[in-house]
Structure formats: structure tokens, C-alpha cells
Amino acid sequence: MVKETNTKLPKIGIVDVQFLVNATPSVVALRQEQQGKLAALQQWVNTANGEIAKLSGEEEKKNLAQKYKVELSQRQQMMQLEYAQKVQNIDVELTNLIAKVAKEDGFDYVFAKGQVVFGATDLTPKIASYLKK
């Protein structure tokens, strides 16, 4: 008696990750938010430079410039941390969405579009439609 083996080939999908990232509304909003924060930070730097320029003593200027330099560094670091956390959250959401669509459609594997040359189904349009909801 010949034993039957399951020879079902895996169902492979691909996604254009960069396209999906650019199509994600929260990424667009995050970019706009960052531009606003950078503009506000630039305005703060301009104000700080103006205050330093108003001072007459070199020692006073040096001390105030050092104070602003430390504060600028802290503000930049805080912005970077907040941005990194938001990017990480978006990455998790997008990864979960890709996994959800893959499972719904019975895919065994999903790869980035550039990693598979032939023989995979592009899930990008379906996932992008979920992003618009």
C-alpha cells in the first residue's frame, strides 16, 4: 500500500512595503506633525538667538548660548523619541494588517515585493484598500 503525502504547495504573497507605508494615513499625519514640530523648533532657535544677540556682555552671551544649547539638545532628543515610538506603532499596525489579510486569504508566506521575482500574489492593493477605511 502506497502512503499518500500532502504535496500542497505553499501559497505565497508579496507586498510593496514602501507603497503601503506611504499610503498609510497615520504616516502622512506623522510627517505633517514632524514638519510642524521642526518649524516650531526653528522658531524657538531663532528666538533664542535673538535673545543672545540682545545681551551686551560676552560672558552673558556664552552662558545663555550654553543654556539654550542644552535645551535644544533635550528638545531634539524628545522629538526623536516620540517620533521613533510613533513609527514603531505604525509598523506594528501595518504588520498586523498584512498578517490579517494573509490569513483571511489563506497565504502561508508573505514577502516584501523585491524579494520574490516570480510565483507570488501581490497583496498590496487589497491591503491598501484597508488603509483607506
Protein backbone atom coordinates (compact mmCIF):
# COMPACT_ATOMS: atom_id res chain seq x y z
CA MET A 1 0.00 0.00 0.00
CA VAL A 2 1.35 3.41 -1.05
CA LYS A 3 1.19 6.11 1.55
CA GLU A 4 -0.30 9.40 0.33
CA THR A 5 1.66 12.52 1.15
CA ASN A 6 0.34 16.01 1.29
CA THR A 7 2.07 17.83 -1.55
CA LYS A 8 0.16 21.08 -1.29
CA LEU A 9 2.44 23.88 -2.36
CA PRO A 10 2.59 26.89 -0.06
CA LYS A 11 0.58 29.93 -1.07
CA ILE A 12 2.96 32.88 -1.31
CA GLY A 13 2.06 36.55 -1.29
CA ILE A 14 4.07 39.71 -1.73
CA VAL A 15 3.56 43.28 -0.60
CA ASP A 16 5.11 46.56 -1.67
CA VAL A 17 6.00 47.70 1.82
CA GLN A 18 7.22 51.16 0.78
CA PHE A 19 3.99 51.83 -1.11
CA LEU A 20 1.92 50.75 1.89
CA VAL A 21 3.96 52.90 4.27
CA ASN A 22 3.44 55.93 2.03
CA ALA A 23 -0.29 55.13 1.71
CA THR A 24 -0.84 54.80 5.46
CA PRO A 25 -2.83 57.82 6.71
CA SER A 26 -1.04 57.79 10.06
CA VAL A 27 2.33 58.08 8.26
CA VAL A 28 1.10 61.08 6.29
CA ALA A 29 -0.19 62.65 9.51
CA LEU A 30 3.08 61.89 11.31
CA ARG A 31 5.10 63.55 8.55
CA GLN A 32 2.93 66.68 8.77
CA GLU A 33 3.21 66.67 12.55
CA GLN A 34 7.01 66.41 12.34
CA GLN A 35 7.18 69.29 9.86
CA GLY A 36 5.15 71.40 12.27
CA LYS A 37 7.38 70.46 15.19
CA LEU A 38 10.52 71.23 13.19
CA ALA A 39 9.13 74.62 12.18
CA ALA A 40 8.28 75.38 15.82
CA LEU A 41 11.75 74.28 16.89
CA GLN A 42 13.34 76.51 14.25
CA GLN A 43 11.25 79.41 15.50
CA TRP A 44 12.40 78.68 19.06
CA VAL A 45 16.06 78.65 17.88
CA ASN A 46 15.55 81.98 16.11
CA THR A 47 14.03 83.48 19.27
CA ALA A 48 16.88 82.11 21.39
CA ASN A 49 19.46 83.55 19.00
CA GLY A 50 17.67 86.90 19.17
CA GLU A 51 17.81 86.88 22.97
CA ILE A 52 21.50 86.04 22.92
CA ALA A 53 22.20 88.83 20.42
CA LYS A 54 20.48 91.38 22.72
CA LEU A 55 22.97 90.76 25.50
CA SER A 56 25.99 93.03 25.69
CA GLY A 57 28.47 91.01 27.77
CA GLU A 58 30.38 88.17 26.13
CA GLU A 59 30.20 86.05 29.27
CA GLU A 60 26.43 86.51 29.46
CA LYS A 61 26.10 85.57 25.80
CA LYS A 62 28.24 82.49 26.31
CA ASN A 63 26.24 81.34 29.35
CA LEU A 64 22.86 81.88 27.69
CA ALA A 65 24.05 80.18 24.50
CA GLN A 66 25.16 77.17 26.54
CA LYS A 67 21.79 77.05 28.34
CA TYR A 68 19.95 77.14 25.01
CA LYS A 69 22.27 74.53 23.52
CA VAL A 70 21.41 72.09 26.32
CA GLU A 71 17.70 72.84 25.98
CA LEU A 72 17.84 72.41 22.20
CA SER A 73 19.51 69.05 22.62
CA GLN A 74 16.81 67.95 25.07
CA ARG A 75 14.02 69.10 22.76
CA GLN A 76 15.57 67.30 19.78
CA GLN A 77 16.03 64.12 21.78
CA MET A 78 12.40 64.22 22.96
CA MET A 79 11.18 64.75 19.39
CA GLN A 80 13.27 61.82 18.17
CA LEU A 81 11.97 59.53 20.92
CA GLU A 82 8.35 60.46 20.25
CA TYR A 83 8.85 60.02 16.51
CA ALA A 84 10.52 56.62 16.94
CA GLN A 85 7.68 55.40 19.18
CA LYS A 86 5.04 56.52 16.70
CA VAL A 87 6.91 54.90 13.79
CA GLN A 88 7.15 51.67 15.79
CA ASN A 89 3.39 51.76 16.49
CA ILE A 90 2.65 52.30 12.79
CA ASP A 91 4.97 49.41 11.90
CA VAL A 92 3.13 47.10 14.28
CA GLU A 93 -0.26 48.18 12.89
CA LEU A 94 0.86 47.63 9.30
CA THR A 95 2.44 44.26 10.10
CA ASN A 96 -0.76 43.16 11.83
CA LEU A 97 -2.85 44.28 8.86
CA ILE A 98 -0.63 42.36 6.43
CA ALA A 99 -0.91 39.25 8.63
CA LYS A 100 -4.70 39.65 8.86
CA VAL A 101 -5.13 39.87 5.07
CA ALA A 102 -2.72 36.99 4.53
CA LYS A 103 -4.64 34.77 6.94
CA GLU A 104 -8.03 35.77 5.51
CA ASP A 105 -6.87 34.81 2.03
CA GLY A 106 -5.07 31.63 3.09
CA PHE A 107 -1.48 32.66 2.40
CA ASP A 108 1.28 30.65 4.02
CA TYR A 109 4.03 33.21 3.46
CA VAL A 110 4.20 36.91 2.62
CA PHE A 111 7.42 38.56 1.47
CA ALA A 112 8.48 42.05 0.53
CA LYS A 113 7.85 42.63 -3.18
CA GLY A 114 11.52 42.91 -4.15
CA GLN A 115 12.41 39.54 -2.64
CA VAL A 116 10.24 37.38 -4.88
CA VAL A 117 10.72 37.51 -8.62
CA PHE A 118 8.06 35.07 -9.76
CA GLY A 119 5.20 32.97 -8.47
CA ALA A 120 3.54 35.09 -5.83
CA THR A 121 0.30 37.02 -5.50
CA ASP A 122 0.55 40.77 -4.87
CA LEU A 123 -1.50 41.64 -1.77
CA THR A 124 -0.60 45.34 -1.89
CA PRO A 125 -3.84 46.61 -3.49
CA LYS A 126 -6.07 44.74 -1.03
CA ILE A 127 -4.06 45.92 1.97
CA ALA A 128 -4.03 49.49 0.64
CA SER A 129 -7.84 49.37 0.40
CA TYR A 130 -7.99 48.50 4.13
CA LEU A 131 -5.82 51.52 4.88
CA LYS A 132 -8.34 53.85 3.27
CA LYS A 133 -11.16 52.69 5.55
